[in-house]
Amino acid sequence: RARRLGILGAIQIEDGNLKKVVDFIEKINTS
């Protein structure tokens, strides 16, 4: 969707810190 809208630059989750994604997955698993 971002590419179709015209975003040419990088796409990342938050500030690019992988730990945030790992923590998010952990929250799903322990919810």
PDB file of all heavy atoms in Angstrom:
ATOM      1  N   ARG A   1       0.829  -1.209   0.000  1.00  0.00           N
ATOM      2  CA  ARG A   1       0.000   0.000   0.000  1.00  0.00           C
ATOM      3  C   ARG A   1       0.864   1.261   0.000  1.00  0.00           C
ATOM      4  O   ARG A   1       0.580   2.217  -0.723  1.00  0.00           O
ATOM      5  CB  ARG A   1      -0.945   0.005   1.191  1.00  0.00           C
ATOM      6  CG  ARG A   1      -1.798   1.260   1.206  1.00  0.00           C
ATOM      7  CD  ARG A   1      -3.092   1.119   1.944  1.00  0.00           C
ATOM      8  NE  ARG A   1      -3.849   2.350   1.784  1.00  0.00           N
ATOM      9  CZ  ARG A   1      -4.059   3.220   2.753  1.00  0.00           C
ATOM     10  NH1 ARG A   1      -3.621   2.983   3.970  1.00  0.00           N
ATOM     11  NH2 ARG A   1      -4.743   4.320   2.534  1.00  0.00           N
ATOM     12  N   ALA A   2       1.920   1.266   0.803  1.00  0.00           N
ATOM     13  CA  ALA A   2       2.798   2.435   0.876  1.00  0.00           C
ATOM     14  C   ALA A   2       3.423   2.732  -0.485  1.00  0.00           C
ATOM     15  O   ALA A   2       3.475   3.896  -0.906  1.00  0.00           O
ATOM     16  CB  ALA A   2       3.887   2.213   1.923  1.00  0.00           C
ATOM     17  N   ARG A   3       3.872   1.709  -1.174  1.00  0.00           N
ATOM     18  CA  ARG A   3       4.479   1.910  -2.496  1.00  0.00           C
ATOM     19  C   ARG A   3       3.431   2.415  -3.495  1.00  0.00           C
ATOM     20  O   ARG A   3       3.714   3.288  -4.308  1.00  0.00           O
ATOM     21  CB  ARG A   3       5.129   0.626  -3.009  1.00  0.00           C
ATOM     22  CG  ARG A   3       6.303   0.144  -2.159  1.00  0.00           C
ATOM     23  CD  ARG A   3       7.454   1.116  -2.141  1.00  0.00           C
ATOM     24  NE  ARG A   3       8.551   0.580  -1.362  1.00  0.00           N
ATOM     25  CZ  ARG A   3       9.364   1.299  -0.622  1.00  0.00           C
ATOM     26  NH1 ARG A   3       9.219   2.606  -0.544  1.00  0.00           N
ATOM     27  NH2 ARG A   3      10.329   0.744   0.064  1.00  0.00           N
ATOM     28  N   ARG A   4       2.224   1.866  -3.409  1.00  0.00           N
ATOM     29  CA  ARG A   4       1.152   2.311  -4.310  1.00  0.00           C
ATOM     30  C   ARG A   4       0.771   3.761  -4.051  1.00  0.00           C
ATOM     31  O   ARG A   4       0.386   4.477  -4.961  1.00  0.00           O
ATOM     32  CB  ARG A   4      -0.086   1.423  -4.169  1.00  0.00           C
ATOM     33  CG  ARG A   4       0.130  -0.007  -4.543  1.00  0.00           C
ATOM     34  CD  ARG A   4      -0.441  -0.466  -5.777  1.00  0.00           C
ATOM     35  NE  ARG A   4      -1.683   0.198  -6.122  1.00  0.00           N
ATOM     36  CZ  ARG A   4      -2.284   0.025  -7.256  1.00  0.00           C
ATOM     37  NH1 ARG A   4      -1.769  -0.792  -8.125  1.00  0.00           N
ATOM     38  NH2 ARG A   4      -3.393   0.636  -7.541  1.00  0.00           N
ATOM     39  N   LEU A   5       0.868   4.188  -2.784  1.00  0.00           N
ATOM     40  CA  LEU A   5       0.566   5.577  -2.440  1.00  0.00           C
ATOM     41  C   LEU A   5       1.671   6.528  -2.890  1.00  0.00           C
ATOM     42  O   LEU A   5       1.469   7.727  -2.930  1.00  0.00           O
ATOM     43  CB  LEU A   5       0.344   5.721  -0.934  1.00  0.00           C
ATOM     44  CG  LEU A   5      -0.948   5.114  -0.395  1.00  0.00           C
ATOM     45  CD1 LEU A   5      -0.948   5.136   1.127  1.00  0.00           C
ATOM     46  CD2 LEU A   5      -2.167   5.838  -0.947  1.00  0.00           C
ATOM     47  N   GLY A   6       2.871   5.973  -3.167  1.00  0.00           N
ATOM     48  CA  GLY A   6       3.953   6.801  -3.684  1.00  0.00           C
ATOM     49  C   GLY A   6       5.135   6.989  -2.764  1.00  0.00           C
ATOM     50  O   GLY A   6       6.019   7.795  -3.048  1.00  0.00           O
ATOM     51  N   ILE A   7       5.199   6.241  -1.662  1.00  0.00           N
ATOM     52  CA  ILE A   7       6.362   6.361  -0.773  1.00  0.00           C
ATOM     53  C   ILE A   7       7.542   5.646  -1.421  1.00  0.00           C
ATOM     54  O   ILE A   7       7.478   4.467  -1.738  1.00  0.00           O
ATOM     55  CB  ILE A   7       6.056   5.804   0.632  1.00  0.00           C
ATOM     56  CG1 ILE A   7       5.022   6.707   1.288  1.00  0.00           C
ATOM     57  CG2 ILE A   7       7.327   5.696   1.471  1.00  0.00           C
ATOM     58  CD1 ILE A   7       4.575   6.300   2.646  1.00  0.00           C
ATOM     59  N   LEU A   8       8.633   6.384  -1.614  1.00  0.00           N
ATOM     60  CA  LEU A   8       9.813   5.840  -2.284  1.00  0.00           C
ATOM     61  C   LEU A   8      10.903   5.434  -1.291  1.00  0.00           C
ATOM     62  O   LEU A   8      11.738   4.597  -1.605  1.00  0.00           O
ATOM     63  CB  LEU A   8      10.382   6.885  -3.255  1.00  0.00           C
ATOM     64  CG  LEU A   8       9.421   7.389  -4.327  1.00  0.00           C
ATOM     65  CD1 LEU A   8      10.057   8.524  -5.112  1.00  0.00           C
ATOM     66  CD2 LEU A   8       9.002   6.257  -5.248  1.00  0.00           C
ATOM     67  N   GLY A   9      10.915   6.032  -0.112  1.00  0.00           N
ATOM     68  CA  GLY A   9      11.968   5.802   0.867  1.00  0.00           C
ATOM     69  C   GLY A   9      11.777   4.520   1.659  1.00  0.00           C
ATOM     70  O   GLY A   9      10.919   3.693   1.360  1.00  0.00           O
ATOM     71  N   ALA A  10      12.590   4.391   2.689  1.00  0.00           N
ATOM     72  CA  ALA A  10      12.600   3.193   3.537  1.00  0.00           C
ATOM     73  C   ALA A  10      11.274   3.032   4.286  1.00  0.00           C
ATOM     74  O   ALA A  10      10.582   4.007   4.582  1.00  0.00           O
ATOM     75  CB  ALA A  10      13.739   3.287   4.535  1.00  0.00           C
ATOM     76  N   ILE A  11      10.953   1.770   4.578  1.00  0.00           N
ATOM     77  CA  ILE A  11       9.788   1.433   5.396  1.00  0.00           C
ATOM     78  C   ILE A  11      10.316   0.611   6.563  1.00  0.00           C
ATOM     79  O   ILE A  11      11.019  -0.379   6.366  1.00  0.00           O
ATOM     80  CB  ILE A  11       8.753   0.640   4.588  1.00  0.00           C
ATOM     81  CG1 ILE A  11       8.259   1.482   3.408  1.00  0.00           C
ATOM     82  CG2 ILE A  11       7.595   0.203   5.471  1.00  0.00           C
ATOM     83  CD1 ILE A  11       7.362   0.745   2.441  1.00  0.00           C
ATOM     84  N   GLN A  12       9.979   1.041   7.782  1.00  0.00           N
ATOM     85  CA  GLN A  12      10.501   0.361   8.970  1.00  0.00           C
ATOM     86  C   GLN A  12       9.462   0.392  10.076  1.00  0.00           C
ATOM     87  O   GLN A  12       8.528   1.183  10.043  1.00  0.00           O
ATOM     88  CB  GLN A  12      11.790   1.035   9.434  1.00  0.00           C
ATOM     89  CG  GLN A  12      11.587   2.477   9.875  1.00  0.00           C
ATOM     90  CD  GLN A  12      12.883   3.221  10.092  1.00  0.00           C
ATOM     91  OE1 GLN A  12      13.788   3.155   9.257  1.00  0.00           O
ATOM     92  NE2 GLN A  12      12.980   3.935  11.201  1.00  0.00           N
ATOM     93  N   ILE A  13       9.635  -0.460  11.056  1.00  0.00           N
ATOM     94  CA  ILE A  13       8.753  -0.462  12.218  1.00  0.00           C
ATOM     95  C   ILE A  13       9.368   0.467  13.257  1.00  0.00           C
ATOM     96  O   ILE A  13      10.526   0.291  13.647  1.00  0.00           O
ATOM     97  CB  ILE A  13       8.569  -1.882  12.774  1.00  0.00           C
ATOM     98  CG1 ILE A  13       7.882  -2.744  11.714  1.00  0.00           C
ATOM     99  CG2 ILE A  13       7.754  -1.850  14.065  1.00  0.00           C
ATOM    100  CD1 ILE A  13       7.802  -4.191  12.026  1.00  0.00           C
ATOM    101  N   GLU A  14       8.567   1.470  13.653  1.00  0.00           N
ATOM    102  CA  GLU A  14       8.981   2.494  14.621  1.00  0.00           C
ATOM    103  C   GLU A  14      10.351   3.057  14.240  1.00  0.00           C
ATOM    104  O   GLU A  14      10.532   3.506  13.132  1.00  0.00           O
ATOM    105  CB  GLU A  14       8.971   1.922  16.044  1.00  0.00           C
ATOM    106  CG  GLU A  14       7.603   1.448  16.500  1.00  0.00           C
ATOM    107  CD  GLU A  14       6.655   2.545  16.937  1.00  0.00           C
ATOM    108  OE1 GLU A  14       7.066   3.706  17.071  1.00  0.00           O
ATOM    109  OE2 GLU A  14       5.474   2.250  17.140  1.00  0.00           O
ATOM    110  N   ASP A  15      11.325   2.961  15.152  1.00  0.00           N
ATOM    111  CA  ASP A  15      12.661   3.515  14.900  1.00  0.00           C
ATOM    112  C   ASP A  15      13.625   2.495  14.301  1.00  0.00           C
ATOM    113  O   ASP A  15      14.816   2.732  14.225  1.00  0.00           O
ATOM    114  CB  ASP A  15      13.241   4.098  16.188  1.00  0.00           C
ATOM    115  CG  ASP A  15      13.348   3.069  17.301  1.00  0.00           C
ATOM    116  OD1 ASP A  15      13.039   1.877  17.066  1.00  0.00           O
ATOM    117  OD2 ASP A  15      13.727   3.448  18.422  1.00  0.00           O
ATOM    118  N   GLY A  16      13.095   1.340  13.881  1.00  0.00           N
ATOM    119  CA  GLY A  16      13.932   0.307  13.272  1.00  0.00           C
ATOM    120  C   GLY A  16      14.539  -0.666  14.266  1.00  0.00           C
ATOM    121  O   GLY A  16      15.263  -1.578  13.873  1.00  0.00           O
ATOM    122  N   ASN A  17      14.226  -0.498  15.548  1.00  0.00           N
ATOM    123  CA  ASN A  17      14.752  -1.366  16.597  1.00  0.00           C
ATOM    124  C   ASN A  17      13.983  -2.689  16.604  1.00  0.00           C
ATOM    125  O   ASN A  17      12.791  -2.720  16.920  1.00  0.00           O
ATOM    126  CB  ASN A  17      14.633  -0.660  17.958  1.00  0.00           C
ATOM    127  CG  ASN A  17      15.239  -1.448  19.095  1.00  0.00           C
ATOM    128  OD1 ASN A  17      15.528  -2.629  18.966  1.00  0.00           O
ATOM    129  ND2 ASN A  17      15.424  -0.784  20.220  1.00  0.00           N
ATOM    130  N   LEU A  18      14.665  -3.780  16.263  1.00  0.00           N
ATOM    131  CA  LEU A  18      14.035  -5.097  16.182  1.00  0.00           C
ATOM    132  C   LEU A  18      13.458  -5.549  17.518  1.00  0.00           C
ATOM    133  O   LEU A  18      12.478  -6.290  17.559  1.00  0.00           O
ATOM    134  CB  LEU A  18      15.050  -6.117  15.662  1.00  0.00           C
ATOM    135  CG  LEU A  18      14.513  -7.504  15.356  1.00  0.00           C
ATOM    136  CD1 LEU A  18      13.420  -7.442  14.298  1.00  0.00           C
ATOM    137  CD2 LEU A  18      15.631  -8.404  14.896  1.00  0.00           C
ATOM    138  N   LYS A  19      14.011  -5.079  18.619  1.00  0.00           N
ATOM    139  CA  LYS A  19      13.526  -5.472  19.944  1.00  0.00           C
ATOM    140  C   LYS A  19      12.056  -5.104  20.131  1.00  0.00           C
ATOM    141  O   LYS A  19      11.306  -5.826  20.784  1.00  0.00           O
ATOM    142  CB  LYS A  19      14.377  -4.838  21.046  1.00  0.00           C
ATOM    143  CG  LYS A  19      13.940  -5.257  22.446  1.00  0.00           C
ATOM    144  CD  LYS A  19      14.935  -4.876  23.487  1.00  0.00           C
ATOM    145  CE  LYS A  19      14.565  -5.195  24.900  1.00  0.00           C
ATOM    146  NZ  LYS A  19      13.338  -5.862  25.191  1.00  0.00           N
ATOM    147  N   LYS A  20      11.614  -4.009  19.525  1.00  0.00           N
ATOM    148  CA  LYS A  20      10.206  -3.606  19.638  1.00  0.00           C
ATOM    149  C   LYS A  20       9.287  -4.640  19.000  1.00  0.00           C
ATOM    150  O   LYS A  20       8.212  -4.921  19.509  1.00  0.00           O
ATOM    151  CB  LYS A  20       9.991  -2.229  19.034  1.00  0.00           C
ATOM    152  CG  LYS A  20      10.613  -1.138  19.860  1.00  0.00           C
ATOM    153  CD  LYS A  20      10.283   0.225  19.339  1.00  0.00           C
ATOM    154  CE  LYS A  20      10.937   1.257  20.257  1.00  0.00           C
ATOM    155  NZ  LYS A  20      10.647   2.609  19.875  1.00  0.00           N
ATOM    156  N   VAL A  21       9.712  -5.209  17.890  1.00  0.00           N
ATOM    157  CA  VAL A  21       8.918  -6.243  17.228  1.00  0.00           C
ATOM    158  C   VAL A  21       8.908  -7.509  18.072  1.00  0.00           C
ATOM    159  O   VAL A  21       7.861  -8.127  18.267  1.00  0.00           O
ATOM    160  CB  VAL A  21       9.455  -6.541  15.814  1.00  0.00           C
ATOM    161  CG1 VAL A  21       8.668  -7.650  15.155  1.00  0.00           C
ATOM    162  CG2 VAL A  21       9.438  -5.286  14.961  1.00  0.00           C
ATOM    163  N   VAL A  22      10.055  -7.893  18.583  1.00  0.00           N
ATOM    164  CA  VAL A  22      10.161  -9.082  19.430  1.00  0.00           C
ATOM    165  C   VAL A  22       9.283  -8.915  20.674  1.00  0.00           C
ATOM    166  O   VAL A  22       8.538  -9.832  21.050  1.00  0.00           O
ATOM    167  CB  VAL A  22      11.631  -9.358  19.819  1.00  0.00           C
ATOM    168  CG1 VAL A  22      11.731 -10.467  20.850  1.00  0.00           C
ATOM    169  CG2 VAL A  22      12.450  -9.695  18.578  1.00  0.00           C
ATOM    170  N   ASP A  23       9.326  -7.751  21.300  1.00  0.00           N
ATOM    171  CA  ASP A  23       8.489  -7.483  22.475  1.00  0.00           C
ATOM    172  C   ASP A  23       7.007  -7.537  22.121  1.00  0.00           C
ATOM    173  O   ASP A  23       6.188  -8.046  22.896  1.00  0.00           O
ATOM    174  CB  ASP A  23       8.826  -6.124  23.084  1.00  0.00           C
ATOM    175  CG  ASP A  23      10.187  -6.085  23.762  1.00  0.00           C
ATOM    176  OD1 ASP A  23      10.781  -7.170  23.994  1.00  0.00           O
ATOM    177  OD2 ASP A  23      10.674  -4.974  24.044  1.00  0.00           O
ATOM    178  N   PHE A  24       6.646  -7.022  20.949  1.00  0.00           N
ATOM    179  CA  PHE A  24       5.260  -7.038  20.502  1.00  0.00           C
ATOM    180  C   PHE A  24       4.776  -8.483  20.343  1.00  0.00           C
ATOM    181  O   PHE A  24       3.682  -8.834  20.812  1.00  0.00           O
ATOM    182  CB  PHE A  24       5.136  -6.274  19.184  1.00  0.00           C
ATOM    183  CG  PHE A  24       3.735  -6.149  18.665  1.00  0.00           C
ATOM    184  CD1 PHE A  24       2.874  -5.207  19.198  1.00  0.00           C
ATOM    185  CD2 PHE A  24       3.286  -6.961  17.635  1.00  0.00           C
ATOM    186  CE1 PHE A  24       1.575  -5.078  18.713  1.00  0.00           C
ATOM    187  CE2 PHE A  24       2.000  -6.835  17.152  1.00  0.00           C
ATOM    188  CZ  PHE A  24       1.138  -5.901  17.688  1.00  0.00           C
ATOM    189  N   ILE A  25       5.582  -9.321  19.709  1.00  0.00           N
ATOM    190  CA  ILE A  25       5.227 -10.732  19.528  1.00  0.00           C
ATOM    191  C   ILE A  25       5.107 -11.423  20.884  1.00  0.00           C
ATOM    192  O   ILE A  25       4.188 -12.216  21.110  1.00  0.00           O
ATOM    193  CB  ILE A  25       6.253 -11.445  18.619  1.00  0.00           C
ATOM    194  CG1 ILE A  25       6.164 -10.885  17.207  1.00  0.00           C
ATOM    195  CG2 ILE A  25       6.038 -12.959  18.618  1.00  0.00           C
ATOM    196  CD1 ILE A  25       7.281 -11.314  16.283  1.00  0.00           C
ATOM    197  N   GLU A  26       6.004 -11.103  21.800  1.00  0.00           N
ATOM    198  CA  GLU A  26       5.950 -11.684  23.142  1.00  0.00           C
ATOM    199  C   GLU A  26       4.652 -11.291  23.856  1.00  0.00           C
ATOM    200  O   GLU A  26       4.036 -12.107  24.536  1.00  0.00           O
ATOM    201  CB  GLU A  26       7.170 -11.250  23.961  1.00  0.00           C
ATOM    202  CG  GLU A  26       7.258 -11.872  25.328  1.00  0.00           C
ATOM    203  CD  GLU A  26       7.375 -13.389  25.296  1.00  0.00           C
ATOM    204  OE1 GLU A  26       7.908 -13.944  24.320  1.00  0.00           O
ATOM    205  OE2 GLU A  26       6.911 -14.027  26.265  1.00  0.00           O
ATOM    206  N   LYS A  27       4.231 -10.048  23.693  1.00  0.00           N
ATOM    207  CA  LYS A  27       2.967  -9.603  24.298  1.00  0.00           C
ATOM    208  C   LYS A  27       1.787 -10.389  23.724  1.00  0.00           C
ATOM    209  O   LYS A  27       0.854 -10.731  24.456  1.00  0.00           O
ATOM    210  CB  LYS A  27       2.755  -8.108  24.062  1.00  0.00           C
ATOM    211  CG  LYS A  27       3.638  -7.228  24.907  1.00  0.00           C
ATOM    212  CD  LYS A  27       3.353  -5.767  24.585  1.00  0.00           C
ATOM    213  CE  LYS A  27       4.348  -4.842  25.220  1.00  0.00           C
ATOM    214  NZ  LYS A  27       4.134  -3.440  24.810  1.00  0.00           N
ATOM    215  N   ILE A  28       1.815 -10.662  22.424  1.00  0.00           N
ATOM    216  CA  ILE A  28       0.751 -11.466  21.814  1.00  0.00           C
ATOM    217  C   ILE A  28       0.735 -12.856  22.437  1.00  0.00           C
ATOM    218  O   ILE A  28      -0.317 -13.373  22.810  1.00  0.00           O
ATOM    219  CB  ILE A  28       0.931 -11.576  20.283  1.00  0.00           C
ATOM    220  CG1 ILE A  28       0.743 -10.205  19.633  1.00  0.00           C
ATOM    221  CG2 ILE A  28      -0.046 -12.588  19.690  1.00  0.00           C
ATOM    222  CD1 ILE A  28       1.087 -10.165  18.161  1.00  0.00           C
ATOM    223  N   ASN A  29       1.922 -13.454  22.564  1.00  0.00           N
ATOM    224  CA  ASN A  29       2.023 -14.813  23.102  1.00  0.00           C
ATOM    225  C   ASN A  29       1.582 -14.911  24.557  1.00  0.00           C
ATOM    226  O   ASN A  29       1.088 -15.953  24.984  1.00  0.00           O
ATOM    227  CB  ASN A  29       3.461 -15.329  22.979  1.00  0.00           C
ATOM    228  CG  ASN A  29       3.822 -15.677  21.561  1.00  0.00           C
ATOM    229  OD1 ASN A  29       2.977 -16.073  20.770  1.00  0.00           O
ATOM    230  ND2 ASN A  29       5.080 -15.509  21.218  1.00  0.00           N
ATOM    231  N   THR A  30       1.782 -13.865  25.327  1.00  0.00           N
ATOM    232  CA  THR A  30       1.485 -13.928  26.761  1.00  0.00           C
ATOM    233  C   THR A  30       0.176 -13.230  27.132  1.00  0.00           C
ATOM    234  O   THR A  30      -0.194 -13.211  28.299  1.00  0.00           O
ATOM    235  CB  THR A  30       2.637 -13.311  27.579  1.00  0.00           C
ATOM    236  OG1 THR A  30       2.817 -11.947  27.187  1.00  0.00           O
ATOM    237  CG2 THR A  30       3.919 -14.099  27.385  1.00  0.00           C
ATOM    238  N   SER A  31      -0.510 -12.675  26.147  1.00  0.00           N
ATOM    239  CA  SER A  31      -1.760 -11.961  26.424  1.00  0.00           C
ATOM    240  C   SER A  31      -2.816 -12.916  26.971  1.00  0.00           C
ATOM    241  O   SER A  31      -3.048 -13.991  26.412  1.00  0.00           O
ATOM    242  CB  SER A  31      -2.284 -11.295  25.148  1.00  0.00           C
ATOM    243  OG  SER A  31      -3.521 -10.689  25.385  1.00  0.00           O
TER     244      SER A  31
END
